[in-house]
């Protein structure tokens, strides 16, 4: 189903980019961009569920059908904002609905699990995978930022060392200038030395001034770079704090998703027992009503029969004796309704017991896992033995009524 899911994703992306926001888009009442995207995402979820079902005939059938739908949808989207777009958009909506219904009906046909629980599990798994990928990406980025931070700190140390060295050089240059100034004063006292020393002193003095000017420019650059590095370190620290908070949030979300998966598994396992219990509620009520009605009718018929016997002569009593089989049939019917009512009540209690065990199994499982694995195995064995027992065993009893036995 990977190819079908990829094509469905491209169609969803096109709808998000091209379709306008708001209600009643393209003049269709009740149609919104969000509703169309929701329908496409629902089909995507059921495609993910169908990947877990190994059934070659149905899988080939739905793939061929989806390929036709995707080809027609792609052709319709190419005619977006053309003169025929109004009519084509109506067909576009029909295809989306047919595709969703086909995928959903096929999944319902191939599985016995509760559809809502499987759909929630599939969405939770997809969200869990997205969070895992995001967490890995965040961890990689955090490592890159830490490496950059360490390199920046090393560069800052080198710049501080260079700044210190240039400062020392500047001080030495000032000392040299001071010495040269003293030499120049001494040279002025001797006219013969002045002619030879003055040009050299002037050239050296000029070179030293140029050197001092260059050192001042470099010092300003170093100060600017130092300030920028400090700002970058602050930004890196802020970014690192934000990423740590994001990682904590991702961990909390993963815990919530794990809890959601456990709740969905619990309700999915116990849902069938609860549903069957609720279905038997109406059956038990019907048998209770029939038992009461048959008992009332039996009492009424017995009363009439007794009055008729008491009011007749001994010769007519034999005629009334032939009516006894009909009374016996009424007694058997009343007894049968009461028995069916008892069976239904027992079966409902059996399903209630299995529902309670299924709901409590998840909590017991987490507790026993922390103690030891052997105890968890025994708990699973006992739980499976209880919930897998066939309710038909409740019918295996020996009747003491000879009429029913006959």
Protein backbone atom coordinates (compact mmCIF):
# COMPACT_ATOMS: atom_id res chain seq x y z
CA UNK A 1 0.00 0.00 0.00
CA UNK A 2 3.03 2.33 0.00
CA UNK A 3 2.41 3.53 -3.58
CA UNK A 4 -1.27 4.22 -2.89
CA UNK A 5 -0.43 6.11 0.32
CA UNK A 6 2.16 8.23 -1.52
CA UNK A 7 -0.32 9.14 -4.29
CA UNK A 8 -2.97 9.97 -1.69
CA UNK A 9 -0.46 12.19 0.14
CA UNK A 10 0.30 14.12 -3.10
CA UNK A 11 -3.42 14.69 -3.70
CA UNK A 12 -3.87 15.93 -0.11
CA UNK A 13 -0.93 18.33 -0.51
CA UNK A 14 -2.43 19.71 -3.75
CA UNK A 15 -5.78 20.32 -2.00
CA UNK A 16 -4.03 22.16 0.86
CA UNK A 17 -2.13 24.41 -1.58
CA UNK A 18 -4.84 25.20 -4.17
CA UNK A 19 -8.24 25.07 -2.48
CA UNK A 20 -9.47 28.26 -0.72
CA UNK A 21 -10.32 28.52 2.97
CA UNK A 22 -13.77 29.26 4.38
CA UNK A 23 -17.22 27.74 4.04
CA UNK A 24 -19.17 26.76 0.89
CA UNK A 25 -16.11 26.67 -1.40
CA UNK A 26 -16.78 26.85 -5.15
CA UNK A 27 -20.48 27.50 -4.38
CA UNK A 28 -21.15 24.06 -2.77
CA UNK A 29 -23.12 24.41 0.46
CA UNK A 30 -21.51 22.76 3.50
CA UNK A 31 -18.28 21.90 1.65
CA UNK A 32 -15.04 23.13 3.29
CA UNK A 33 -11.36 22.61 2.63
CA UNK A 34 -10.92 21.11 6.12
CA UNK A 35 -13.70 18.56 5.51
CA UNK A 36 -12.11 17.37 2.26
CA UNK A 37 -8.69 17.04 3.93
CA UNK A 38 -10.26 15.12 6.85
CA UNK A 39 -11.88 12.63 4.44
CA UNK A 40 -8.57 12.08 2.60
CA UNK A 41 -6.69 11.58 5.89
CA UNK A 42 -9.34 9.06 7.04
CA UNK A 43 -8.78 7.05 3.82
CA UNK A 44 -5.00 7.24 4.47
CA UNK A 45 -5.54 5.80 7.99
CA UNK A 46 -7.54 2.84 6.68
CA UNK A 47 -4.87 2.17 4.03
CA UNK A 48 -2.35 1.90 6.87
CA UNK A 49 -4.65 -0.58 8.65
CA UNK A 50 -5.04 -2.68 5.48
CA UNK A 51 -1.25 -3.06 5.26
CA UNK A 52 -1.39 -5.34 8.32
CA UNK A 53 -3.95 -7.70 6.69
CA UNK A 54 -2.48 -10.36 4.37
CA UNK A 55 -5.23 -11.09 1.84
CA UNK A 56 -4.01 -11.10 -1.74
CA UNK A 57 -7.33 -11.09 -3.66
CA UNK A 58 -8.94 -8.18 -1.78
CA UNK A 59 -5.64 -6.26 -1.73
CA UNK A 60 -5.22 -6.50 -5.53
CA UNK A 61 -8.86 -5.47 -6.00
CA UNK A 62 -8.64 -2.35 -3.83
CA UNK A 63 -5.29 -1.35 -5.39
CA UNK A 64 -6.77 -1.48 -8.90
CA UNK A 65 -9.82 0.46 -7.78
CA UNK A 66 -7.72 3.10 -6.00
CA UNK A 67 -5.47 3.46 -9.07
CA UNK A 68 -8.53 4.40 -11.14
CA UNK A 69 -9.65 6.88 -8.49
CA UNK A 70 -6.18 8.47 -8.27
CA UNK A 71 -5.87 8.81 -12.07
CA UNK A 72 -9.26 10.51 -12.30
CA UNK A 73 -8.52 12.81 -9.32
CA UNK A 74 -5.19 13.87 -10.84
CA UNK A 75 -6.92 14.69 -14.14
CA UNK A 76 -9.58 16.74 -12.35
CA UNK A 77 -7.00 18.73 -10.34
CA UNK A 78 -5.18 19.63 -13.59
CA UNK A 79 -8.38 21.43 -14.71
CA UNK A 80 -8.42 23.62 -11.57
CA UNK A 81 -9.82 27.15 -12.19
CA UNK A 82 -10.83 26.33 -15.79
CA UNK A 83 -14.29 26.83 -17.32
CA UNK A 84 -15.31 23.22 -16.62
CA UNK A 85 -14.07 23.25 -12.99
CA UNK A 86 -17.57 23.60 -11.48
CA UNK A 87 -18.82 20.33 -12.95
CA UNK A 88 -15.51 18.55 -12.41
CA UNK A 89 -15.46 19.55 -8.73
CA UNK A 90 -18.78 17.75 -8.21
CA UNK A 91 -17.21 14.55 -9.57
CA UNK A 92 -14.13 15.22 -7.40
CA UNK A 93 -16.32 15.13 -4.25
CA UNK A 94 -18.06 11.91 -5.40
CA UNK A 95 -14.71 10.13 -5.93
CA UNK A 96 -13.40 11.14 -2.48
CA UNK A 97 -16.54 9.77 -0.80
CA UNK A 98 -16.53 6.55 -2.86
CA UNK A 99 -12.84 5.97 -2.12
CA UNK A 100 -13.32 6.43 1.64
CA UNK A 101 -16.37 4.13 1.75
CA UNK A 102 -14.64 1.41 -0.34
CA UNK A 103 -11.52 1.31 1.86
CA UNK A 104 -13.55 1.40 5.07
CA UNK A 105 -15.98 -1.34 3.95
CA UNK A 106 -13.10 -3.59 2.84
CA UNK A 107 -11.39 -3.19 6.23
CA UNK A 108 -14.66 -3.94 8.09
CA UNK A 109 -15.10 -7.06 5.91
CA UNK A 110 -11.57 -8.39 6.55
CA UNK A 111 -11.29 -7.77 10.31
CA UNK A 112 -13.26 -8.63 13.44
CA UNK A 113 -11.62 -5.98 15.62
CA UNK A 114 -13.49 -2.83 16.74
CA UNK A 115 -12.94 -0.32 13.91
CA UNK A 116 -12.73 2.76 16.14
CA UNK A 117 -10.06 1.19 18.37
CA UNK A 118 -7.92 0.15 15.34
CA UNK A 119 -8.30 3.61 13.79
CA UNK A 120 -7.18 5.30 17.04
CA UNK A 121 -4.26 2.88 17.38
CA UNK A 122 -3.13 3.58 13.81
CA UNK A 123 -3.27 7.36 14.36
CA UNK A 124 -1.42 7.06 17.65
CA UNK A 125 1.29 4.95 16.00
CA UNK A 126 1.73 7.49 13.19
CA UNK A 127 1.93 10.34 15.73
CA UNK A 128 4.38 8.30 17.80
CA UNK A 129 6.65 7.75 14.74
CA UNK A 130 6.49 11.49 13.91
CA UNK A 131 7.53 12.38 17.47
CA UNK A 132 10.39 9.87 17.40
CA UNK A 133 11.71 11.36 14.12
CA UNK A 134 11.34 14.89 15.53
CA UNK A 135 13.15 13.87 18.72
CA UNK A 136 16.04 12.37 16.72
CA UNK A 137 16.25 15.53 14.57
CA UNK A 138 16.25 17.74 17.68
CA UNK A 139 19.01 15.65 19.27
CA UNK A 140 21.14 15.96 16.11
CA UNK A 141 20.61 19.71 15.96
CA UNK A 142 21.43 20.02 19.66
CA UNK A 143 24.70 18.15 19.13
CA UNK A 144 25.57 20.43 16.19
CA UNK A 145 24.86 23.51 18.32
CA UNK A 146 27.01 22.19 21.16
CA UNK A 147 29.89 21.54 18.74
CA UNK A 148 29.47 25.07 17.30
CA UNK A 149 29.41 26.50 20.81
CA UNK A 150 32.67 24.75 21.71
CA UNK A 151 34.34 26.00 18.49
CA UNK A 152 33.08 29.55 19.18
CA UNK A 153 34.45 29.46 22.72
CA UNK A 154 37.83 28.28 21.37
CA UNK A 155 37.85 31.10 18.81
CA UNK A 156 36.97 33.61 21.51
CA UNK A 157 39.91 32.43 23.63
CA UNK A 158 42.24 32.80 20.63
CA UNK A 159 40.91 36.34 19.99
CA UNK A 160 41.45 37.30 23.64
CA UNK A 161 45.01 35.94 23.46
CA UNK A 162 45.64 37.93 20.26
CA UNK A 163 44.14 41.04 21.86
CA UNK A 164 46.47 40.67 24.86
CA UNK A 165 49.47 40.20 22.57
CA UNK A 166 48.57 43.29 20.50
CA UNK A 167 48.09 45.32 23.68
CA UNK A 168 51.57 44.36 24.86
CA UNK A 169 53.00 45.21 21.41
CA UNK A 170 51.23 48.60 21.53
CA UNK A 171 52.78 49.34 24.94
CA UNK A 172 56.23 48.37 23.70
CA UNK A 173 55.75 50.62 20.68
CA UNK A 174 54.84 53.51 22.98
CA UNK A 175 58.02 52.86 24.98
CA UNK A 176 60.06 52.84 21.77
CA UNK A 177 58.47 56.14 20.69
CA UNK A 178 59.32 57.61 24.09
CA UNK A 179 62.93 56.42 23.77
CA UNK A 180 63.17 57.79 20.23
CA UNK A 181 61.80 61.11 21.42
CA UNK A 182 64.51 61.22 24.08
CA UNK A 183 67.11 60.31 21.48
CA UNK A 184 65.80 63.09 19.22
CA UNK A 185 66.23 65.58 22.04
CA UNK A 186 69.75 64.42 22.69
CA UNK A 187 70.49 64.53 18.98
CA UNK A 188 69.49 68.17 18.85
CA UNK A 189 72.37 68.96 21.21
CA UNK A 190 74.89 67.72 18.72
CA UNK A 191 74.77 69.32 15.26
CA UNK A 192 77.05 66.74 13.69
CA UNK A 193 74.89 63.80 14.91
CA UNK A 194 71.63 65.51 13.93
CA UNK A 195 72.37 65.37 10.21
CA UNK A 196 72.97 61.59 10.30
CA UNK A 197 70.39 60.51 12.92
CA UNK A 198 67.42 62.78 12.15
CA UNK A 199 66.35 61.10 8.84
CA UNK A 200 66.54 57.65 10.41
CA UNK A 201 64.64 58.73 13.48
CA UNK A 202 61.96 60.39 11.36
CA UNK A 203 61.49 57.27 9.21
CA UNK A 204 61.41 55.00 12.25
CA UNK A 205 58.98 57.32 14.01
CA UNK A 206 56.67 57.30 10.96
CA UNK A 207 56.79 53.52 10.73
CA UNK A 208 55.98 53.20 14.42
CA UNK A 209 52.99 55.57 14.07
CA UNK A 210 51.71 53.51 11.17
CA UNK A 211 52.18 50.37 13.24
CA UNK A 212 50.32 51.94 16.14
CA UNK A 213 47.47 52.98 13.82
CA UNK A 214 47.27 49.43 12.42
CA UNK A 215 47.28 48.00 15.91
CA UNK A 216 44.42 50.31 16.93
CA UNK A 217 42.35 49.20 13.90
CA UNK A 218 43.02 45.54 14.66
CA UNK A 219 42.16 46.10 18.31
CA UNK A 220 38.80 47.63 17.32
CA UNK A 221 38.09 44.65 15.05
CA UNK A 222 38.97 42.23 17.84
CA UNK A 223 36.65 44.07 20.26
CA UNK A 224 33.81 43.89 17.70
CA UNK A 225 34.40 40.19 17.10
CA UNK A 226 34.52 39.56 20.86
CA UNK A 227 31.14 41.31 21.33
CA UNK A 228 29.63 39.32 18.44
CA UNK A 229 30.96 36.05 19.87
CA UNK A 230 29.44 36.82 23.27
CA UNK A 231 26.07 37.55 21.63
CA UNK A 232 26.31 34.31 19.65
CA UNK A 233 27.07 32.37 22.84
CA UNK A 234 23.96 33.86 24.49
CA UNK A 235 21.82 32.89 21.48
CA UNK A 236 23.28 29.37 21.50
CA UNK A 237 22.54 28.99 25.21
CA UNK A 238 18.96 30.19 24.66
CA UNK A 239 18.56 27.78 21.75
CA UNK A 240 19.96 24.93 23.83
CA UNK A 241 17.49 25.69 26.66
CA UNK A 242 14.59 25.76 24.18
CA UNK A 243 15.64 22.43 22.66
CA UNK A 244 15.90 20.81 26.10
CA UNK A 245 12.36 21.97 26.89
CA UNK A 246 11.18 20.60 23.53
CA UNK A 247 12.80 17.24 24.30
CA UNK A 248 11.03 17.15 27.68
CA UNK A 249 7.71 17.96 25.97
CA UNK A 250 8.33 15.19 23.41
CA UNK A 251 9.05 12.72 26.22
CA UNK A 252 5.80 13.68 27.98
CA UNK A 253 3.85 13.32 24.72
CA UNK A 254 5.38 9.89 24.15
CA UNK A 255 4.25 8.84 27.64
CA UNK A 256 0.73 10.12 26.90
CA UNK A 257 0.66 8.22 23.60
CA UNK A 258 1.81 5.02 25.33
CA UNK A 259 -0.98 5.46 27.89
CA UNK A 260 -3.48 6.10 25.07
CA UNK A 261 -2.36 2.91 23.31
CA UNK A 262 -2.85 0.93 26.54
CA UNK A 263 -6.36 2.39 27.03
CA UNK A 264 -7.30 1.63 23.42
CA UNK A 265 -6.02 -1.95 23.75
CA UNK A 266 -7.97 -2.39 26.98
CA UNK A 267 -11.24 -1.10 25.49
CA UNK A 268 -10.72 -2.99 22.25
CA UNK A 269 -10.26 -6.31 24.07
CA UNK A 270 -13.25 -5.80 26.40
CA UNK A 271 -15.54 -4.08 23.85
CA UNK A 272 -16.84 -7.33 22.35
CA UNK A 273 -17.91 -8.67 25.79
CA UNK A 274 -19.63 -5.40 26.69
CA UNK A 275 -21.45 -5.33 23.35
CA UNK A 276 -22.67 -8.91 23.74
CA UNK A 277 -23.81 -8.20 27.30
CA UNK A 278 -25.86 -5.22 26.11
CA UNK A 279 -27.36 -7.28 23.28
CA UNK A 280 -28.56 -9.94 25.78
CA UNK A 281 -30.31 -7.29 27.87
CA UNK A 282 -33.26 -7.14 25.46
CA UNK A 283 -33.35 -10.96 25.19
CA UNK A 284 -33.51 -11.40 28.97
CA UNK A 285 -36.29 -8.81 29.19
CA UNK A 286 -38.30 -10.64 26.50
CA UNK A 287 -37.97 -14.01 28.28
CA UNK A 288 -38.91 -12.41 31.62
CA UNK A 289 -42.06 -10.89 30.09
CA UNK A 290 -42.95 -14.19 28.40
CA UNK A 291 -42.44 -16.06 31.69
CA UNK A 292 -44.76 -13.70 33.57
CA UNK A 293 -47.39 -13.79 30.80
CA UNK A 294 -47.33 -17.59 30.49
CA UNK A 295 -47.52 -17.96 34.28
CA UNK A 296 -50.50 -15.59 34.44
CA UNK A 297 -52.27 -17.42 31.61
CA UNK A 298 -51.53 -20.77 33.30
CA UNK A 299 -52.99 -19.55 36.60
CA UNK A 300 -56.09 -18.23 34.82
CA UNK A 301 -56.63 -21.49 32.85
CA UNK A 302 -56.04 -23.61 35.98
CA UNK A 303 -58.55 -21.53 37.90
CA UNK A 304 -61.19 -21.88 35.15
CA UNK A 305 -60.50 -25.63 34.89
CA UNK A 306 -60.84 -26.10 38.66
CA UNK A 307 -64.14 -24.14 38.75
CA UNK A 308 -65.49 -26.19 35.83
CA UNK A 309 -64.58 -29.48 37.55
CA UNK A 310 -66.14 -28.47 40.87
CA UNK A 311 -69.40 -27.35 39.25
CA UNK A 312 -69.96 -30.53 37.20
CA UNK A 313 -71.23 -33.99 38.08
CA UNK A 314 -69.00 -36.99 38.44
CA UNK A 315 -70.05 -38.19 35.01
CA UNK A 316 -68.77 -35.05 33.33
CA UNK A 317 -65.44 -35.12 35.15
CA UNK A 318 -64.11 -37.62 32.60
CA UNK A 319 -64.70 -35.11 29.84
CA UNK A 320 -62.66 -32.54 31.71
CA UNK A 321 -59.83 -35.00 32.17
CA UNK A 322 -59.21 -34.83 28.40
CA UNK A 323 -58.35 -31.14 28.84
CA UNK A 324 -55.40 -31.98 31.11
CA UNK A 325 -52.86 -32.32 28.19
CA UNK A 326 -53.53 -28.71 27.17
CA UNK A 327 -52.90 -27.60 30.77
CA UNK A 328 -49.70 -29.65 30.85
CA UNK A 329 -48.57 -27.94 27.64
CA UNK A 330 -49.11 -24.56 29.32
CA UNK A 331 -47.11 -25.72 32.34
CA UNK A 332 -44.28 -26.84 30.06
CA UNK A 333 -44.35 -23.48 28.20
CA UNK A 334 -44.17 -21.54 31.47
CA UNK A 335 -41.31 -23.73 32.70
CA UNK A 336 -39.46 -23.37 29.38
CA UNK A 337 -39.71 -19.53 29.41
CA UNK A 338 -38.43 -19.43 33.00
CA UNK A 339 -35.49 -21.68 32.07
CA UNK A 340 -34.58 -19.52 29.06
CA UNK A 341 -34.73 -16.44 31.25
CA UNK A 342 -32.33 -18.15 33.70
CA UNK A 343 -29.94 -19.11 30.89
CA UNK A 344 -29.91 -15.56 29.51
CA UNK A 345 -29.20 -14.07 32.95
CA UNK A 346 -26.31 -16.53 33.47
CA UNK A 347 -24.82 -15.73 30.07
CA UNK A 348 -25.06 -11.97 30.74
CA UNK A 349 -23.27 -12.47 34.06
CA UNK A 350 -20.60 -14.52 32.26
CA UNK A 351 -19.98 -11.72 29.75
CA UNK A 352 -19.97 -9.13 32.57
CA UNK A 353 -17.31 -11.18 34.36
CA UNK A 354 -15.18 -11.46 31.19
CA UNK A 355 -15.56 -7.71 30.56
CA UNK A 356 -14.35 -6.91 34.09
CA UNK A 357 -11.35 -9.27 33.72
CA UNK A 358 -10.40 -7.71 30.36
CA UNK A 359 -10.56 -4.17 31.77
CA UNK A 360 -8.47 -5.10 34.82
CA UNK A 361 -5.87 -7.13 32.89
CA UNK A 362 -3.88 -4.09 31.68
CA UNK A 363 -3.40 -2.75 35.22
CA UNK A 364 -2.49 -6.15 36.64
CA UNK A 365 -0.08 -6.68 33.74
CA UNK A 366 1.92 -3.52 34.57
CA UNK A 367 2.09 -4.46 38.27
CA UNK A 368 3.13 -8.08 37.70
CA UNK A 369 5.77 -7.12 35.12
CA UNK A 370 7.59 -5.15 37.83
CA UNK A 371 7.58 -8.22 40.14
CA UNK A 372 8.69 -10.99 37.75
CA UNK A 373 7.98 -12.33 34.26
CA UNK A 374 6.84 -15.75 35.52
CA UNK A 375 3.97 -14.19 37.46
CA UNK A 376 3.02 -12.21 34.32
CA UNK A 377 2.88 -15.48 32.35
CA UNK A 378 0.57 -17.06 34.95
CA UNK A 379 -1.67 -13.96 34.90
CA UNK A 380 -1.92 -14.11 31.11
CA UNK A 381 -2.68 -17.86 31.23
CA UNK A 382 -5.46 -17.39 33.81
CA UNK A 383 -6.95 -14.41 31.96
CA UNK A 384 -7.00 -16.22 28.59
CA UNK A 385 -8.55 -19.31 30.24
CA UNK A 386 -11.34 -17.20 31.77
CA UNK A 387 -12.22 -15.04 28.78
CA UNK A 388 -11.95 -17.88 26.23
CA UNK A 389 -14.39 -20.22 27.98
CA UNK A 390 -17.41 -20.98 25.78
CA UNK A 391 -20.77 -19.73 27.21
CA UNK A 392 -22.42 -22.87 25.75
CA UNK A 393 -21.10 -24.75 28.81
CA UNK A 394 -23.87 -23.03 30.80
CA UNK A 395 -26.39 -25.16 28.86
CA UNK A 396 -24.74 -28.47 29.89
CA UNK A 397 -27.05 -29.43 32.76
CA UNK A 398 -29.29 -32.45 33.55
CA UNK A 399 -32.96 -31.58 33.70
CA UNK A 400 -35.01 -33.15 36.44
CA UNK A 401 -38.25 -32.56 34.53
CA UNK A 402 -39.31 -35.77 32.73
CA UNK A 403 -41.60 -33.88 30.33
CA UNK A 404 -38.75 -31.68 29.07
CA UNK A 405 -36.42 -34.68 28.90
CA UNK A 406 -38.98 -36.57 26.81
